[in-house]
Amino acid sequence: MPPAVVPLLLVAIGVPAAFRAAIGRPRALGTAWLAAIAAVAVAQMLGELIGSRIGVLGDAQLLYAALAATITSAALSALERARR
């Protein structure tokens, strides 16, 4: 596994888990993790394409990854709330 993938996976796993701990959502944590991993991968790719160096650790775009995972977790939380 490339070293840059490790912090990205930690962000993708940690942010939805933090949402669940803080507000009890997302209830479908597995779905939230998959969505966050996809969002983090897209954020990493976009950060590489635009050549951003803000919030970078090694080759990992941590700032964009954290923002993408947070937005995804918030969106899933809102969807779960709307389904009730």
PDB file of N, CA and C in Angstrom:
ATOM      1  N   MET A   1       0.849  -1.185   0.000  1.00  0.00           N
ATOM      2  CA  MET A   1       0.000   0.000   0.000  1.00  0.00           C
ATOM      3  C   MET A   1       0.885   1.235   0.000  1.00  0.00           C
ATOM      4  N   PRO A   2       0.646   2.163  -0.923  1.00  0.00           N
ATOM      5  CA  PRO A   2       1.454   3.391  -0.951  1.00  0.00           C
ATOM      6  C   PRO A   2       1.278   4.189   0.350  1.00  0.00           C
ATOM      7  N   PRO A   3       2.362   4.806   0.823  1.00  0.00           N
ATOM      8  CA  PRO A   3       2.270   5.552   2.082  1.00  0.00           C
ATOM      9  C   PRO A   3       1.229   6.667   2.077  1.00  0.00           C
ATOM     10  N   ALA A   4       0.956   7.280   0.940  1.00  0.00           N
ATOM     11  CA  ALA A   4      -0.020   8.370   0.880  1.00  0.00           C
ATOM     12  C   ALA A   4      -1.448   7.878   1.109  1.00  0.00           C
ATOM     13  N   VAL A   5      -1.685   6.591   0.882  1.00  0.00           N
ATOM     14  CA  VAL A   5      -3.038   6.053   1.026  1.00  0.00           C
ATOM     15  C   VAL A   5      -3.421   5.905   2.497  1.00  0.00           C
ATOM     16  N   VAL A   6      -2.453   5.668   3.366  1.00  0.00           N
ATOM     17  CA  VAL A   6      -2.744   5.421   4.779  1.00  0.00           C
ATOM     18  C   VAL A   6      -3.440   6.612   5.442  1.00  0.00           C
ATOM     19  N   PRO A   7      -2.904   7.842   5.374  1.00  0.00           N
ATOM     20  CA  PRO A   7      -3.636   8.947   6.009  1.00  0.00           C
ATOM     21  C   PRO A   7      -4.981   9.227   5.348  1.00  0.00           C
ATOM     22  N   LEU A   8      -5.082   8.992   4.041  1.00  0.00           N
ATOM     23  CA  LEU A   8      -6.363   9.207   3.365  1.00  0.00           C
ATOM     24  C   LEU A   8      -7.413   8.217   3.868  1.00  0.00           C
ATOM     25  N   LEU A   9      -7.008   6.958   4.056  1.00  0.00           N
ATOM     26  CA  LEU A   9      -7.941   5.966   4.591  1.00  0.00           C
ATOM     27  C   LEU A   9      -8.325   6.287   6.027  1.00  0.00           C
ATOM     28  N   LEU A  10      -7.371   6.766   6.809  1.00  0.00           N
ATOM     29  CA  LEU A  10      -7.685   7.139   8.189  1.00  0.00           C
ATOM     30  C   LEU A  10      -8.707   8.271   8.234  1.00  0.00           C
ATOM     31  N   VAL A  11      -8.571   9.234   7.332  1.00  0.00           N
ATOM     32  CA  VAL A  11      -9.550  10.330   7.254  1.00  0.00           C
ATOM     33  C   VAL A  11     -10.912   9.783   6.822  1.00  0.00           C
ATOM     34  N   ALA A  12     -10.911   8.929   5.799  1.00  0.00           N
ATOM     35  CA  ALA A  12     -12.168   8.393   5.270  1.00  0.00           C
ATOM     36  C   ALA A  12     -12.894   7.518   6.283  1.00  0.00           C
ATOM     37  N   ILE A  13     -12.168   6.856   7.149  1.00  0.00           N
ATOM     38  CA  ILE A  13     -12.788   6.014   8.176  1.00  0.00           C
ATOM     39  C   ILE A  13     -13.132   6.830   9.419  1.00  0.00           C
ATOM     40  N   GLY A  14     -12.270   7.772   9.761  1.00  0.00           N
ATOM     41  CA  GLY A  14     -12.446   8.520  11.007  1.00  0.00           C
ATOM     42  C   GLY A  14     -13.558   9.545  10.985  1.00  0.00           C
ATOM     43  N   VAL A  15     -13.746  10.239   9.882  1.00  0.00           N
ATOM     44  CA  VAL A  15     -14.752  11.311   9.832  1.00  0.00           C
ATOM     45  C   VAL A  15     -16.174  10.764   9.993  1.00  0.00           C
ATOM     46  N   PRO A  16     -16.587   9.728   9.233  1.00  0.00           N
ATOM     47  CA  PRO A  16     -17.934   9.194   9.467  1.00  0.00           C
ATOM     48  C   PRO A  16     -18.106   8.613  10.873  1.00  0.00           C
ATOM     49  N   ALA A  17     -17.057   7.998  11.394  1.00  0.00           N
ATOM     50  CA  ALA A  17     -17.132   7.467  12.755  1.00  0.00           C
ATOM     51  C   ALA A  17     -17.284   8.591  13.769  1.00  0.00           C
ATOM     52  N   ALA A  18     -16.623   9.714  13.537  1.00  0.00           N
ATOM     53  CA  ALA A  18     -16.763  10.867  14.428  1.00  0.00           C
ATOM     54  C   ALA A  18     -18.172  11.443  14.351  1.00  0.00           C
ATOM     55  N   PHE A  19     -18.740  11.498  13.146  1.00  0.00           N
ATOM     56  CA  PHE A  19     -20.124  11.960  13.008  1.00  0.00           C
ATOM     57  C   PHE A  19     -21.061  11.055  13.795  1.00  0.00           C
ATOM     58  N   ARG A  20     -20.839   9.758  13.672  1.00  0.00           N
ATOM     59  CA  ARG A  20     -21.704   8.804  14.380  1.00  0.00           C
ATOM     60  C   ARG A  20     -21.572   8.979  15.888  1.00  0.00           C
ATOM     61  N   ALA A  21     -20.367   9.170  16.372  1.00  0.00           N
ATOM     62  CA  ALA A  21     -20.150   9.356  17.803  1.00  0.00           C
ATOM     63  C   ALA A  21     -20.743  10.669  18.297  1.00  0.00           C
ATOM     64  N   ALA A  22     -20.652  11.709  17.480  1.00  0.00           N
ATOM     65  CA  ALA A  22     -21.109  13.026  17.918  1.00  0.00           C
ATOM     66  C   ALA A  22     -22.626  13.185  17.866  1.00  0.00           C
ATOM     67  N   ILE A  23     -23.253  12.728  16.791  1.00  0.00           N
ATOM     68  CA  ILE A  23     -24.692  12.989  16.637  1.00  0.00           C
ATOM     69  C   ILE A  23     -25.524  11.740  16.383  1.00  0.00           C
ATOM     70  N   GLY A  24     -24.920  10.575  16.464  1.00  0.00           N
ATOM     71  CA  GLY A  24     -25.695   9.358  16.272  1.00  0.00           C
ATOM     72  C   GLY A  24     -26.003   9.032  14.824  1.00  0.00           C
ATOM     73  N   ARG A  25     -25.423   9.782  13.916  1.00  0.00           N
ATOM     74  CA  ARG A  25     -25.591   9.514  12.489  1.00  0.00           C
ATOM     75  C   ARG A  25     -24.222   9.532  11.855  1.00  0.00           C
ATOM     76  N   PRO A  26     -23.928   8.929  10.793  1.00  0.00           N
ATOM     77  CA  PRO A  26     -24.787   8.069   9.991  1.00  0.00           C
ATOM     78  C   PRO A  26     -25.004   6.710  10.637  1.00  0.00           C
ATOM     79  N   ARG A  27     -26.227   6.245  10.596  1.00  0.00           N
ATOM     80  CA  ARG A  27     -26.575   4.940  11.173  1.00  0.00           C
ATOM     81  C   ARG A  27     -25.980   3.815  10.339  1.00  0.00           C
ATOM     82  N   ALA A  28     -26.012   3.956   9.037  1.00  0.00           N
ATOM     83  CA  ALA A  28     -25.415   2.969   8.138  1.00  0.00           C
ATOM     84  C   ALA A  28     -23.931   3.318   7.986  1.00  0.00           C
ATOM     85  N   LEU A  29     -23.150   2.937   8.973  1.00  0.00           N
ATOM     86  CA  LEU A  29     -21.747   3.340   9.000  1.00  0.00           C
ATOM     87  C   LEU A  29     -20.963   2.747   7.828  1.00  0.00           C
ATOM     88  N   GLY A  30     -21.267   1.533   7.436  1.00  0.00           N
ATOM     89  CA  GLY A  30     -20.585   0.924   6.288  1.00  0.00           C
ATOM     90  C   GLY A  30     -20.799   1.723   5.013  1.00  0.00           C
ATOM     91  N   THR A  31     -22.025   2.151   4.799  1.00  0.00           N
ATOM     92  CA  THR A  31     -22.342   2.990   3.640  1.00  0.00           C
ATOM     93  C   THR A  31     -21.609   4.319   3.725  1.00  0.00           C
ATOM     94  N   ALA A  32     -21.563   4.887   4.916  1.00  0.00           N
ATOM     95  CA  ALA A  32     -20.862   6.162   5.105  1.00  0.00           C
ATOM     96  C   ALA A  32     -19.376   6.008   4.827  1.00  0.00           C
ATOM     97  N   TRP A  33     -18.798   4.897   5.256  1.00  0.00           N
ATOM     98  CA  TRP A  33     -17.377   4.675   4.985  1.00  0.00           C
ATOM     99  C   TRP A  33     -17.113   4.550   3.490  1.00  0.00           C
ATOM    100  N   LEU A  34     -17.952   3.794   2.785  1.00  0.00           N
ATOM    101  CA  LEU A  34     -17.769   3.649   1.334  1.00  0.00           C
ATOM    102  C   LEU A  34     -17.911   4.982   0.619  1.00  0.00           C
ATOM    103  N   ALA A  35     -18.908   5.754   1.013  1.00  0.00           N
ATOM    104  CA  ALA A  35     -19.099   7.071   0.393  1.00  0.00           C
ATOM    105  C   ALA A  35     -17.926   7.992   0.707  1.00  0.00           C
ATOM    106  N   ALA A  36     -17.432   7.949   1.948  1.00  0.00           N
ATOM    107  CA  ALA A  36     -16.305   8.800   2.323  1.00  0.00           C
ATOM    108  C   ALA A  36     -15.031   8.381   1.596  1.00  0.00           C
ATOM    109  N   ILE A  37     -14.812   7.085   1.429  1.00  0.00           N
ATOM    110  CA  ILE A  37     -13.631   6.618   0.692  1.00  0.00           C
ATOM    111  C   ILE A  37     -13.695   7.106  -0.754  1.00  0.00           C
ATOM    112  N   ALA A  38     -14.878   7.026  -1.369  1.00  0.00           N
ATOM    113  CA  ALA A  38     -15.022   7.526  -2.742  1.00  0.00           C
ATOM    114  C   ALA A  38     -14.791   9.032  -2.801  1.00  0.00           C
ATOM    115  N   ALA A  39     -15.343   9.766  -1.838  1.00  0.00           N
ATOM    116  CA  ALA A  39     -15.172  11.223  -1.826  1.00  0.00           C
ATOM    117  C   ALA A  39     -13.715  11.603  -1.603  1.00  0.00           C
ATOM    118  N   VAL A  40     -13.031  10.880  -0.735  1.00  0.00           N
ATOM    119  CA  VAL A  40     -11.613  11.149  -0.472  1.00  0.00           C
ATOM    120  C   VAL A  40     -10.775  10.868  -1.713  1.00  0.00           C
ATOM    121  N   ALA A  41     -11.090   9.785  -2.416  1.00  0.00           N
ATOM    122  CA  ALA A  41     -10.353   9.470  -3.643  1.00  0.00           C
ATOM    123  C   ALA A  41     -10.537  10.570  -4.688  1.00  0.00           C
ATOM    124  N   VAL A  42     -11.756  11.064  -4.821  1.00  0.00           N
ATOM    125  CA  VAL A  42     -12.022  12.154  -5.769  1.00  0.00           C
ATOM    126  C   VAL A  42     -11.289  13.422  -5.335  1.00  0.00           C
ATOM    127  N   ALA A  43     -11.316  13.725  -4.033  1.00  0.00           N
ATOM    128  CA  ALA A  43     -10.632  14.917  -3.535  1.00  0.00           C
ATOM    129  C   ALA A  43      -9.128  14.816  -3.756  1.00  0.00           C
ATOM    130  N   GLN A  44      -8.565  13.632  -3.561  1.00  0.00           N
ATOM    131  CA  GLN A  44      -7.132  13.431  -3.804  1.00  0.00           C
ATOM    132  C   GLN A  44      -6.811  13.686  -5.274  1.00  0.00           C
ATOM    133  N   MET A  45      -7.638  13.132  -6.143  1.00  0.00           N
ATOM    134  CA  MET A  45      -7.405  13.307  -7.578  1.00  0.00           C
ATOM    135  C   MET A  45      -7.519  14.772  -7.981  1.00  0.00           C
ATOM    136  N   LEU A  46      -8.552  15.457  -7.494  1.00  0.00           N
ATOM    137  CA  LEU A  46      -8.722  16.867  -7.837  1.00  0.00           C
ATOM    138  C   LEU A  46      -7.581  17.722  -7.290  1.00  0.00           C
ATOM    139  N   GLY A  47      -7.134  17.422  -6.079  1.00  0.00           N
ATOM    140  CA  GLY A  47      -6.000  18.151  -5.508  1.00  0.00           C
ATOM    141  C   GLY A  47      -4.737  17.965  -6.327  1.00  0.00           C
ATOM    142  N   GLU A  48      -4.535  16.753  -6.820  1.00  0.00           N
ATOM    143  CA  GLU A  48      -3.373  16.490  -7.672  1.00  0.00           C
ATOM    144  C   GLU A  48      -3.500  17.213  -9.011  1.00  0.00           C
ATOM    145  N   LEU A  49      -4.710  17.210  -9.579  1.00  0.00           N
ATOM    146  CA  LEU A  49      -4.906  17.853 -10.879  1.00  0.00           C
ATOM    147  C   LEU A  49      -4.693  19.361 -10.829  1.00  0.00           C
ATOM    148  N   ILE A  50      -5.155  19.997  -9.749  1.00  0.00           N
ATOM    149  CA  ILE A  50      -4.977  21.447  -9.669  1.00  0.00           C
ATOM    150  C   ILE A  50      -3.622  21.824  -9.073  1.00  0.00           C
ATOM    151  N   GLY A  51      -2.873  20.842  -8.593  1.00  0.00           N
ATOM    152  CA  GLY A  51      -1.528  21.091  -8.083  1.00  0.00           C
ATOM    153  C   GLY A  51      -1.495  21.821  -6.756  1.00  0.00           C
ATOM    154  N   SER A  52      -2.498  21.620  -5.936  1.00  0.00           N
ATOM    155  CA  SER A  52      -2.576  22.305  -4.641  1.00  0.00           C
ATOM    156  C   SER A  52      -1.558  21.722  -3.659  1.00  0.00           C
ATOM    157  N   ARG A  53      -0.961  22.578  -2.875  1.00  0.00           N
ATOM    158  CA  ARG A  53      -0.017  22.160  -1.836  1.00  0.00           C
ATOM    159  C   ARG A  53      -0.511  22.563  -0.449  1.00  0.00           C
ATOM    160  N   ILE A  54      -1.771  23.007  -0.357  1.00  0.00           N
ATOM    161  CA  ILE A  54      -2.346  23.395   0.934  1.00  0.00           C
ATOM    162  C   ILE A  54      -2.847  22.138   1.638  1.00  0.00           C
ATOM    163  N   GLY A  55      -2.438  21.935   2.876  1.00  0.00           N
ATOM    164  CA  GLY A  55      -2.902  20.793   3.651  1.00  0.00           C
ATOM    165  C   GLY A  55      -2.409  19.462   3.143  1.00  0.00           C
ATOM    166  N   VAL A  56      -1.185  19.427   2.619  1.00  0.00           N
ATOM    167  CA  VAL A  56      -0.629  18.205   2.043  1.00  0.00           C
ATOM    168  C   VAL A  56       0.331  17.562   3.034  1.00  0.00           C
ATOM    169  N   LEU A  57       0.206  16.256   3.189  1.00  0.00           N
ATOM    170  CA  LEU A  57       1.139  15.465   3.988  1.00  0.00           C
ATOM    171  C   LEU A  57       1.749  14.432   3.057  1.00  0.00           C
ATOM    172  N   GLY A  58       3.004  14.613   2.710  1.00  0.00           N
ATOM    173  CA  GLY A  58       3.615  13.727   1.720  1.00  0.00           C
ATOM    174  C   GLY A  58       2.931  13.952   0.381  1.00  0.00           C
ATOM    175  N   ASP A  59       2.314  12.905  -0.135  1.00  0.00           N
ATOM    176  CA  ASP A  59       1.559  13.021  -1.382  1.00  0.00           C
ATOM    177  C   ASP A  59       0.055  13.036  -1.145  1.00  0.00           C
ATOM    178  N   ALA A  60      -0.381  13.064   0.109  1.00  0.00           N
ATOM    179  CA  ALA A  60      -1.802  12.998   0.430  1.00  0.00           C
ATOM    180  C   ALA A  60      -2.394  14.398   0.590  1.00  0.00           C
ATOM    181  N   GLN A  61      -3.490  14.625  -0.074  1.00  0.00           N
ATOM    182  CA  GLN A  61      -4.217  15.896   0.002  1.00  0.00           C
ATOM    183  C   GLN A  61      -5.169  15.836   1.199  1.00  0.00           C
ATOM    184  N   LEU A  62      -4.632  16.010   2.404  1.00  0.00           N
ATOM    185  CA  LEU A  62      -5.429  15.816   3.616  1.00  0.00           C
ATOM    186  C   LEU A  62      -6.523  16.859   3.793  1.00  0.00           C
ATOM    187  N   LEU A  63      -6.262  18.097   3.460  1.00  0.00           N
ATOM    188  CA  LEU A  63      -7.283  19.125   3.626  1.00  0.00           C
ATOM    189  C   LEU A  63      -8.494  18.830   2.752  1.00  0.00           C
ATOM    190  N   TYR A  64      -8.266  18.545   1.483  1.00  0.00           N
ATOM    191  CA  TYR A  64      -9.367  18.235   0.578  1.00  0.00           C
ATOM    192  C   TYR A  64     -10.054  16.936   0.978  1.00  0.00           C
ATOM    193  N   ALA A  65      -9.279  15.965   1.425  1.00  0.00           N
ATOM    194  CA  ALA A  65      -9.857  14.690   1.860  1.00  0.00           C
ATOM    195  C   ALA A  65     -10.758  14.893   3.064  1.00  0.00           C
ATOM    196  N   ALA A  66     -10.305  15.670   4.038  1.00  0.00           N
ATOM    197  CA  ALA A  66     -11.113  15.917   5.232  1.00  0.00           C
ATOM    198  C   ALA A  66     -12.391  16.676   4.880  1.00  0.00           C
ATOM    199  N   LEU A  67     -12.277  17.670   4.003  1.00  0.00           N
ATOM    200  CA  LEU A  67     -13.470  18.411   3.581  1.00  0.00           C
ATOM    201  C   LEU A  67     -14.448  17.508   2.837  1.00  0.00           C
ATOM    202  N   ALA A  68     -13.940  16.677   1.950  1.00  0.00           N
ATOM    203  CA  ALA A  68     -14.810  15.783   1.181  1.00  0.00           C
ATOM    204  C   ALA A  68     -15.494  14.768   2.084  1.00  0.00           C
ATOM    205  N   ALA A  69     -14.764  14.190   3.024  1.00  0.00           N
ATOM    206  CA  ALA A  69     -15.353  13.218   3.938  1.00  0.00           C
ATOM    207  C   ALA A  69     -16.379  13.874   4.853  1.00  0.00           C
ATOM    208  N   THR A  70     -16.110  15.095   5.284  1.00  0.00           N
ATOM    209  CA  THR A  70     -17.057  15.805   6.145  1.00  0.00           C
ATOM    210  C   THR A  70     -18.330  16.145   5.390  1.00  0.00           C
ATOM    211  N   ILE A  71     -18.200  16.644   4.175  1.00  0.00           N
ATOM    212  CA  ILE A  71     -19.378  16.975   3.371  1.00  0.00           C
ATOM    213  C   ILE A  71     -20.196  15.724   3.086  1.00  0.00           C
ATOM    214  N   THR A  72     -19.529  14.629   2.755  1.00  0.00           N
ATOM    215  CA  THR A  72     -20.225  13.374   2.481  1.00  0.00           C
ATOM    216  C   THR A  72     -20.951  12.869   3.719  1.00  0.00           C
ATOM    217  N   SER A  73     -20.294  12.916   4.870  1.00  0.00           N
ATOM    218  CA  SER A  73     -20.932  12.461   6.109  1.00  0.00           C
ATOM    219  C   SER A  73     -22.127  13.339   6.469  1.00  0.00           C
ATOM    220  N   ALA A  74     -21.987  14.642   6.283  1.00  0.00           N
ATOM    221  CA  ALA A  74     -23.102  15.549   6.566  1.00  0.00           C
ATOM    222  C   ALA A  74     -24.265  15.289   5.612  1.00  0.00           C
ATOM    223  N   ALA A  75     -23.957  15.033   4.350  1.00  0.00           N
ATOM    224  CA  ALA A  75     -25.010  14.749   3.381  1.00  0.00           C
ATOM    225  C   ALA A  75     -25.741  13.455   3.719  1.00  0.00           C
ATOM    226  N   LEU A  76     -24.998  12.424   4.104  1.00  0.00           N
ATOM    227  CA  LEU A  76     -25.637  11.161   4.484  1.00  0.00           C
ATOM    228  C   LEU A  76     -26.470  11.329   5.746  1.00  0.00           C
ATOM    229  N   SER A  77     -25.985  12.121   6.680  1.00  0.00           N
ATOM    230  CA  SER A  77     -26.752  12.390   7.898  1.00  0.00           C
ATOM    231  C   SER A  77     -28.057  13.103   7.561  1.00  0.00           C
ATOM    232  N   ALA A  78     -27.995  14.061   6.653  1.00  0.00           N
ATOM    233  CA  ALA A  78     -29.201  14.785   6.239  1.00  0.00           C
ATOM    234  C   ALA A  78     -30.174  13.854   5.519  1.00  0.00           C
ATOM    235  N   LEU A  79     -29.660  12.959   4.677  1.00  0.00           N
ATOM    236  CA  LEU A  79     -30.525  11.992   3.994  1.00  0.00           C
ATOM    237  C   LEU A  79     -31.210  11.072   4.982  1.00  0.00           C
ATOM    238  N   GLU A  80     -30.469  10.607   5.981  1.00  0.00           N
ATOM    239  CA  GLU A  80     -31.074   9.729   6.993  1.00  0.00           C
ATOM    240  C   GLU A  80     -32.149  10.467   7.774  1.00  0.00           C
ATOM    241  N   ARG A  81     -31.889  11.728   8.084  1.00  0.00           N
ATOM    242  CA  ARG A  81     -32.864  12.533   8.820  1.00  0.00           C
ATOM    243  C   ARG A  81     -34.124  12.744   7.974  1.00  0.00           C
ATOM    244  N   ALA A  82     -33.937  12.961   6.661  1.00  0.00           N
ATOM    245  CA  ALA A  82     -35.075  13.197   5.775  1.00  0.00           C
ATOM    246  C   ALA A  82     -35.906  11.928   5.560  1.00  0.00           C
ATOM    247  N   ARG A  83     -35.273  10.776   5.641  1.00  0.00           N
ATOM    248  CA  ARG A  83     -35.991   9.513   5.428  1.00  0.00           C
ATOM    249  C   ARG A  83     -36.909   9.160   6.604  1.00  0.00           C
ATOM    250  N   ARG A  84     -36.663   9.742   7.753  1.00  0.00           N
ATOM    251  CA  ARG A  84     -37.486   9.418   8.941  1.00  0.00           C
ATOM    252  C   ARG A  84     -38.831  10.030   8.879  1.00  0.00           C
TER     253      ARG A  84
END
